Amino acid sequence: MSTGSWDAVVLAGGRARRMAGDDKLLMDVGGRPMLGRVLEAVADAHRVVVVGPRRAIDIDRDVEWCREQPEGSGPAAALRAGLEHVTSDIVVVVAGDQPFVDAATVTSLVSAVRDDGAVAVDESLQPQWLCSAWRTAVLRIAPLAANESLRVALGPLRWRPLRVEAVAALDCDTPEDLRRARELAQ
């Protein structure tokens, strides 16, 4: 797959309950908001779709914003909403709270798509559904229902594991995760 022959869907709609209600995606990690770091990782996409509330963020490209319906109905519903704006045959799926996903990881995921998709796995071979690349046609028929987990929706598909360093798929769900990410960024 060549650069730009894929789209990206960035899931950015979580409520961040464990972060005292603050918008975690705008929290600084290594001098940049988490969402800005993720958008930088998918900068080579033909189209970038962010599923979540519109945020003022400094980036050097156009981004399409949309919301899952109903709002807050989980990552599978958010992915379904993002797919409505995807035009490429391959789509990269990442979470907005993964500050260390980078362009090299994204490129490796896109290159690893063979059957239905490729999913980042950590050292314990645990799939990281929110760090993956898929054939768009397959996702359009996947059971991406409201309040469904991506593990349930995507697990049965034919996906190739792509081993990544644990930090690449590190997500920041708690204040402790954020503290660790900030330490790693130094």
C-alpha atoms as a PDB file:
ATOM      1  CA  MET A   1       0.000   0.000   0.000  1.00  0.00           C
ATOM      2  CA  SER A   2       1.356   3.389  -0.859  1.00  0.00           C
ATOM      3  CA  THR A   3       1.180   6.397   1.418  1.00  0.00           C
ATOM      4  CA  GLY A   4      -2.123   8.191   1.081  1.00  0.00           C
ATOM      5  CA  SER A   5      -3.996   5.141  -0.250  1.00  0.00           C
ATOM      6  CA  TRP A   6      -5.701   4.745   3.108  1.00  0.00           C
ATOM      7  CA  ASP A   7      -7.993   6.747   5.366  1.00  0.00           C
ATOM      8  CA  ALA A   8      -7.890   7.054   9.148  1.00  0.00           C
ATOM      9  CA  VAL A   9     -10.667   7.005  11.733  1.00  0.00           C
ATOM     10  CA  VAL A  10      -9.606   8.433  15.076  1.00  0.00           C
ATOM     11  CA  LEU A  11     -11.958   7.552  17.923  1.00  0.00           C
ATOM     12  CA  ALA A  12     -12.112  10.565  20.216  1.00  0.00           C
ATOM     13  CA  GLY A  13     -15.477  10.537  21.930  1.00  0.00           C
ATOM     14  CA  GLY A  14     -14.883   8.958  25.331  1.00  0.00           C
ATOM     15  CA  ARG A  15     -16.152  10.686  28.432  1.00  0.00           C
ATOM     16  CA  ALA A  16     -12.848  10.441  30.362  1.00  0.00           C
ATOM     17  CA  ARG A  17     -14.700   9.729  33.613  1.00  0.00           C
ATOM     18  CA  ARG A  18     -11.495   8.603  35.302  1.00  0.00           C
ATOM     19  CA  MET A  19      -9.796  11.906  34.419  1.00  0.00           C
ATOM     20  CA  ALA A  20     -12.086  13.999  36.627  1.00  0.00           C
ATOM     21  CA  GLY A  21     -14.103  15.097  33.605  1.00  0.00           C
ATOM     22  CA  ASP A  22     -11.177  16.916  31.942  1.00  0.00           C
ATOM     23  CA  ASP A  23     -10.777  16.439  28.190  1.00  0.00           C
ATOM     24  CA  LYS A  24      -7.900  13.987  28.263  1.00  0.00           C
ATOM     25  CA  LEU A  25      -7.300  14.283  24.529  1.00  0.00           C
ATOM     26  CA  LEU A  26      -6.206  17.884  25.023  1.00  0.00           C
ATOM     27  CA  MET A  27      -3.853  16.980  27.877  1.00  0.00           C
ATOM     28  CA  ASP A  28      -0.182  17.554  27.161  1.00  0.00           C
ATOM     29  CA  VAL A  29       2.197  14.650  26.593  1.00  0.00           C
ATOM     30  CA  GLY A  30       5.688  15.632  25.512  1.00  0.00           C
ATOM     31  CA  GLY A  31       4.724  19.167  24.543  1.00  0.00           C
ATOM     32  CA  ARG A  32       1.659  18.274  22.421  1.00  0.00           C
ATOM     33  CA  PRO A  33      -1.955  17.391  23.174  1.00  0.00           C
ATOM     34  CA  MET A  34      -2.570  13.647  22.930  1.00  0.00           C
ATOM     35  CA  LEU A  35      -5.007  14.097  20.047  1.00  0.00           C
ATOM     36  CA  GLY A  36      -2.461  16.237  18.186  1.00  0.00           C
ATOM     37  CA  ARG A  37       0.128  13.486  18.518  1.00  0.00           C
ATOM     38  CA  VAL A  38      -2.304  10.887  17.137  1.00  0.00           C
ATOM     39  CA  LEU A  39      -3.325  13.145  14.242  1.00  0.00           C
ATOM     40  CA  GLU A  40       0.356  13.581  13.425  1.00  0.00           C
ATOM     41  CA  ALA A  41       0.728   9.766  13.288  1.00  0.00           C
ATOM     42  CA  VAL A  42      -2.019   9.512  10.632  1.00  0.00           C
ATOM     43  CA  ALA A  43      -0.985  12.639   8.707  1.00  0.00           C
ATOM     44  CA  ASP A  44      -0.240  10.604   5.550  1.00  0.00           C
ATOM     45  CA  ALA A  45      -3.846   9.391   5.295  1.00  0.00           C
ATOM     46  CA  HIS A  46      -5.873  10.428   2.287  1.00  0.00           C
ATOM     47  CA  ARG A  47      -8.683  11.444   4.656  1.00  0.00           C
ATOM     48  CA  VAL A  48      -8.739  11.742   8.472  1.00  0.00           C
ATOM     49  CA  VAL A  49     -12.060  11.389  10.281  1.00  0.00           C
ATOM     50  CA  VAL A  50     -12.270  12.181  13.992  1.00  0.00           C
ATOM     51  CA  VAL A  51     -15.286  10.734  15.765  1.00  0.00           C
ATOM     52  CA  GLY A  52     -15.968  12.862  18.810  1.00  0.00           C
ATOM     53  CA  PRO A  53     -16.710  16.416  19.828  1.00  0.00           C
ATOM     54  CA  ARG A  54     -14.991  19.047  17.707  1.00  0.00           C
ATOM     55  CA  ARG A  55     -11.914  20.375  19.425  1.00  0.00           C
ATOM     56  CA  ALA A  56      -9.715  23.360  18.677  1.00  0.00           C
ATOM     57  CA  ILE A  57      -6.418  21.715  17.841  1.00  0.00           C
ATOM     58  CA  ASP A  58      -3.454  22.991  15.850  1.00  0.00           C
ATOM     59  CA  ILE A  59      -2.827  20.627  12.934  1.00  0.00           C
ATOM     60  CA  ASP A  60      -1.569  21.113   9.383  1.00  0.00           C
ATOM     61  CA  ARG A  61      -4.334  19.299   7.523  1.00  0.00           C
ATOM     62  CA  ASP A  62      -8.076  19.136   7.098  1.00  0.00           C
ATOM     63  CA  VAL A  63      -9.911  16.801   9.431  1.00  0.00           C
ATOM     64  CA  GLU A  64     -13.524  15.696   9.163  1.00  0.00           C
ATOM     65  CA  TRP A  65     -15.454  15.604  12.438  1.00  0.00           C
ATOM     66  CA  CYS A  66     -18.505  13.478  13.160  1.00  0.00           C
ATOM     67  CA  ARG A  67     -20.318  11.905  16.116  1.00  0.00           C
ATOM     68  CA  GLU A  68     -21.588   8.427  16.822  1.00  0.00           C
ATOM     69  CA  GLN A  69     -25.313   8.018  17.392  1.00  0.00           C
ATOM     70  CA  PRO A  70     -26.318   7.977  20.095  1.00  0.00           C
ATOM     71  CA  GLU A  71     -23.388   9.941  21.496  1.00  0.00           C
ATOM     72  CA  GLY A  72     -21.387   7.938  24.009  1.00  0.00           C
ATOM     73  CA  SER A  73     -22.489   4.576  22.604  1.00  0.00           C
ATOM     74  CA  GLY A  74     -18.979   3.161  22.435  1.00  0.00           C
ATOM     75  CA  PRO A  75     -16.134   2.493  20.036  1.00  0.00           C
ATOM     76  CA  ALA A  76     -17.986   0.128  17.676  1.00  0.00           C
ATOM     77  CA  ALA A  77     -20.733   2.702  17.072  1.00  0.00           C
ATOM     78  CA  ALA A  78     -18.075   5.417  16.720  1.00  0.00           C
ATOM     79  CA  LEU A  79     -16.225   3.357  14.123  1.00  0.00           C
ATOM     80  CA  ARG A  80     -19.486   2.818  12.234  1.00  0.00           C
ATOM     81  CA  ALA A  81     -20.050   6.613  12.202  1.00  0.00           C
ATOM     82  CA  GLY A  82     -16.504   7.268  10.995  1.00  0.00           C
ATOM     83  CA  LEU A  83     -16.836   4.736   8.176  1.00  0.00           C
ATOM     84  CA  GLU A  84     -19.567   6.875   6.631  1.00  0.00           C
ATOM     85  CA  HIS A  85     -16.823   9.371   5.693  1.00  0.00           C
ATOM     86  CA  VAL A  86     -14.179   6.883   4.516  1.00  0.00           C
ATOM     87  CA  THR A  87     -13.485   6.621   0.780  1.00  0.00           C
ATOM     88  CA  SER A  88     -10.278   4.525   0.613  1.00  0.00           C
ATOM     89  CA  ASP A  89     -10.100   0.740   0.443  1.00  0.00           C
ATOM     90  CA  ILE A  90      -8.040   0.587   3.663  1.00  0.00           C
ATOM     91  CA  VAL A  91      -8.844   2.349   6.926  1.00  0.00           C
ATOM     92  CA  VAL A  92      -6.591   2.745   9.952  1.00  0.00           C
ATOM     93  CA  VAL A  93      -8.415   2.781  13.296  1.00  0.00           C
ATOM     94  CA  VAL A  94      -6.722   4.466  16.250  1.00  0.00           C
ATOM     95  CA  ALA A  95      -7.794   5.959  19.551  1.00  0.00           C
ATOM     96  CA  GLY A  96      -7.191   9.612  20.289  1.00  0.00           C
ATOM     97  CA  ASP A  97      -5.669   8.740  23.673  1.00  0.00           C
ATOM     98  CA  GLN A  98      -2.682   6.777  22.292  1.00  0.00           C
ATOM     99  CA  PRO A  99       0.055   9.420  22.420  1.00  0.00           C
ATOM    100  CA  PHE A 100       2.837   7.099  21.235  1.00  0.00           C
ATOM    101  CA  VAL A 101       1.265   5.612  18.142  1.00  0.00           C
ATOM    102  CA  ASP A 102       3.477   6.933  15.368  1.00  0.00           C
ATOM    103  CA  ALA A 103       3.633   7.113  11.588  1.00  0.00           C
ATOM    104  CA  ALA A 104       5.953   4.087  11.403  1.00  0.00           C
ATOM    105  CA  THR A 105       3.465   1.929  13.332  1.00  0.00           C
ATOM    106  CA  VAL A 106       0.604   3.145  11.140  1.00  0.00           C
ATOM    107  CA  THR A 107       2.587   2.422   7.961  1.00  0.00           C
ATOM    108  CA  SER A 108       3.411  -1.068   9.252  1.00  0.00           C
ATOM    109  CA  LEU A 109      -0.255  -1.739   9.995  1.00  0.00           C
ATOM    110  CA  VAL A 110      -1.335  -0.638   6.515  1.00  0.00           C
ATOM    111  CA  SER A 111       1.398  -2.776   4.930  1.00  0.00           C
ATOM    112  CA  ALA A 112       0.392  -5.797   7.029  1.00  0.00           C
ATOM    113  CA  VAL A 113      -3.219  -5.920   5.775  1.00  0.00           C
ATOM    114  CA  ARG A 114      -3.666  -9.182   3.881  1.00  0.00           C
ATOM    115  CA  ASP A 115      -7.069 -10.783   4.447  1.00  0.00           C
ATOM    116  CA  ASP A 116      -9.444  -8.536   6.409  1.00  0.00           C
ATOM    117  CA  GLY A 117      -7.002  -6.511   8.469  1.00  0.00           C
ATOM    118  CA  ALA A 118      -4.013  -6.162  10.750  1.00  0.00           C
ATOM    119  CA  VAL A 119      -4.086  -5.541  14.493  1.00  0.00           C
ATOM    120  CA  ALA A 120      -1.270  -4.363  16.734  1.00  0.00           C
ATOM    121  CA  VAL A 121      -0.429  -6.875  19.453  1.00  0.00           C
ATOM    122  CA  ASP A 122       1.733  -6.223  22.494  1.00  0.00           C
ATOM    123  CA  GLU A 123       4.424  -8.470  24.003  1.00  0.00           C
ATOM    124  CA  SER A 124       1.763 -10.724  25.519  1.00  0.00           C
ATOM    125  CA  LEU A 125       0.121 -10.962  22.053  1.00  0.00           C
ATOM    126  CA  GLN A 126      -2.938  -9.119  23.358  1.00  0.00           C
ATOM    127  CA  PRO A 127      -4.787  -7.521  20.401  1.00  0.00           C
ATOM    128  CA  GLN A 128      -5.022  -3.735  20.494  1.00  0.00           C
ATOM    129  CA  TRP A 129      -8.237  -3.206  18.533  1.00  0.00           C
ATOM    130  CA  LEU A 130      -7.825   0.569  18.646  1.00  0.00           C
ATOM    131  CA  CYS A 131      -4.519   0.332  16.800  1.00  0.00           C
ATOM    132  CA  SER A 132      -5.393  -1.531  13.625  1.00  0.00           C
ATOM    133  CA  ALA A 133      -5.890  -1.341   9.845  1.00  0.00           C
ATOM    134  CA  TRP A 134      -8.719  -2.952   7.889  1.00  0.00           C
ATOM    135  CA  ARG A 135     -10.222  -3.396   4.475  1.00  0.00           C
ATOM    136  CA  THR A 136     -13.018  -0.852   4.491  1.00  0.00           C
ATOM    137  CA  ALA A 137     -15.487  -3.202   2.781  1.00  0.00           C
ATOM    138  CA  VAL A 138     -15.092  -5.739   5.605  1.00  0.00           C
ATOM    139  CA  LEU A 139     -15.751  -3.134   8.311  1.00  0.00           C
ATOM    140  CA  ARG A 140     -18.852  -1.897   6.502  1.00  0.00           C
ATOM    141  CA  ILE A 141     -20.484  -5.321   7.020  1.00  0.00           C
ATOM    142  CA  ALA A 142     -19.053  -6.014  10.505  1.00  0.00           C
ATOM    143  CA  PRO A 143     -21.520  -5.947  13.435  1.00  0.00           C
ATOM    144  CA  LEU A 144     -20.536  -2.481  14.713  1.00  0.00           C
ATOM    145  CA  ALA A 145     -23.456  -2.051  17.094  1.00  0.00           C
ATOM    146  CA  ALA A 146     -23.979   0.529  19.816  1.00  0.00           C
ATOM    147  CA  ASN A 147     -22.440  -0.494  23.141  1.00  0.00           C
ATOM    148  CA  GLU A 148     -20.619  -3.421  21.502  1.00  0.00           C
ATOM    149  CA  SER A 149     -16.917  -3.958  22.099  1.00  0.00           C
ATOM    150  CA  LEU A 150     -14.522  -3.948  19.183  1.00  0.00           C
ATOM    151  CA  ARG A 151     -13.203  -7.307  20.405  1.00  0.00           C
ATOM    152  CA  VAL A 152     -16.638  -8.838  19.816  1.00  0.00           C
ATOM    153  CA  ALA A 153     -17.225  -6.984  16.535  1.00  0.00           C
ATOM    154  CA  LEU A 154     -13.776  -7.432  14.966  1.00  0.00           C
ATOM    155  CA  GLY A 155     -12.340 -10.505  16.696  1.00  0.00           C
ATOM    156  CA  PRO A 156     -13.988 -13.031  14.346  1.00  0.00           C
ATOM    157  CA  LEU A 157     -12.585 -11.324  11.242  1.00  0.00           C
ATOM    158  CA  ARG A 158      -9.442 -12.642   9.519  1.00  0.00           C
ATOM    159  CA  TRP A 159      -6.763 -10.337  10.898  1.00  0.00           C
ATOM    160  CA  ARG A 160      -3.020 -10.527  11.004  1.00  0.00           C
ATOM    161  CA  PRO A 161      -1.237  -9.740  14.276  1.00  0.00           C
ATOM    162  CA  LEU A 162       1.470  -7.093  14.049  1.00  0.00           C
ATOM    163  CA  ARG A 163       3.795  -7.057  17.005  1.00  0.00           C
ATOM    164  CA  VAL A 164       4.490  -3.534  18.298  1.00  0.00           C
ATOM    165  CA  GLU A 165       6.290  -2.165  21.310  1.00  0.00           C
ATOM    166  CA  ALA A 166       3.888  -1.818  24.227  1.00  0.00           C
ATOM    167  CA  VAL A 167       4.319   1.952  24.256  1.00  0.00           C
ATOM    168  CA  ALA A 168       2.961   2.250  20.685  1.00  0.00           C
ATOM    169  CA  ALA A 169      -0.509   1.145  21.787  1.00  0.00           C
ATOM    170  CA  LEU A 170      -0.402   2.678  25.273  1.00  0.00           C
ATOM    171  CA  ASP A 171      -3.665   4.444  25.944  1.00  0.00           C
ATOM    172  CA  CYS A 172      -4.221   6.985  28.684  1.00  0.00           C
ATOM    173  CA  ASP A 173      -7.396   6.130  30.577  1.00  0.00           C
ATOM    174  CA  THR A 174      -6.375   7.082  34.109  1.00  0.00           C
ATOM    175  CA  PRO A 175      -4.287   9.768  35.802  1.00  0.00           C
ATOM    176  CA  GLU A 176      -1.645   7.064  36.366  1.00  0.00           C
ATOM    177  CA  ASP A 177      -1.564   6.282  32.619  1.00  0.00           C
ATOM    178  CA  LEU A 178      -1.146   9.987  31.874  1.00  0.00           C
ATOM    179  CA  ARG A 179       1.671  10.307  34.417  1.00  0.00           C
ATOM    180  CA  ARG A 180       3.445   7.298  32.884  1.00  0.00           C
ATOM    181  CA  ALA A 181       3.021   8.701  29.354  1.00  0.00           C
ATOM    182  CA  ARG A 182       4.479  12.025  30.433  1.00  0.00           C
ATOM    183  CA  GLU A 183       7.447  10.248  31.997  1.00  0.00           C
ATOM    184  CA  LEU A 184       8.023   8.200  28.832  1.00  0.00           C
ATOM    185  CA  ALA A 185       7.835  11.343  26.687  1.00  0.00           C
ATOM    186  CA  GLN A 186      10.709  12.988  28.579  1.00  0.00           C
END
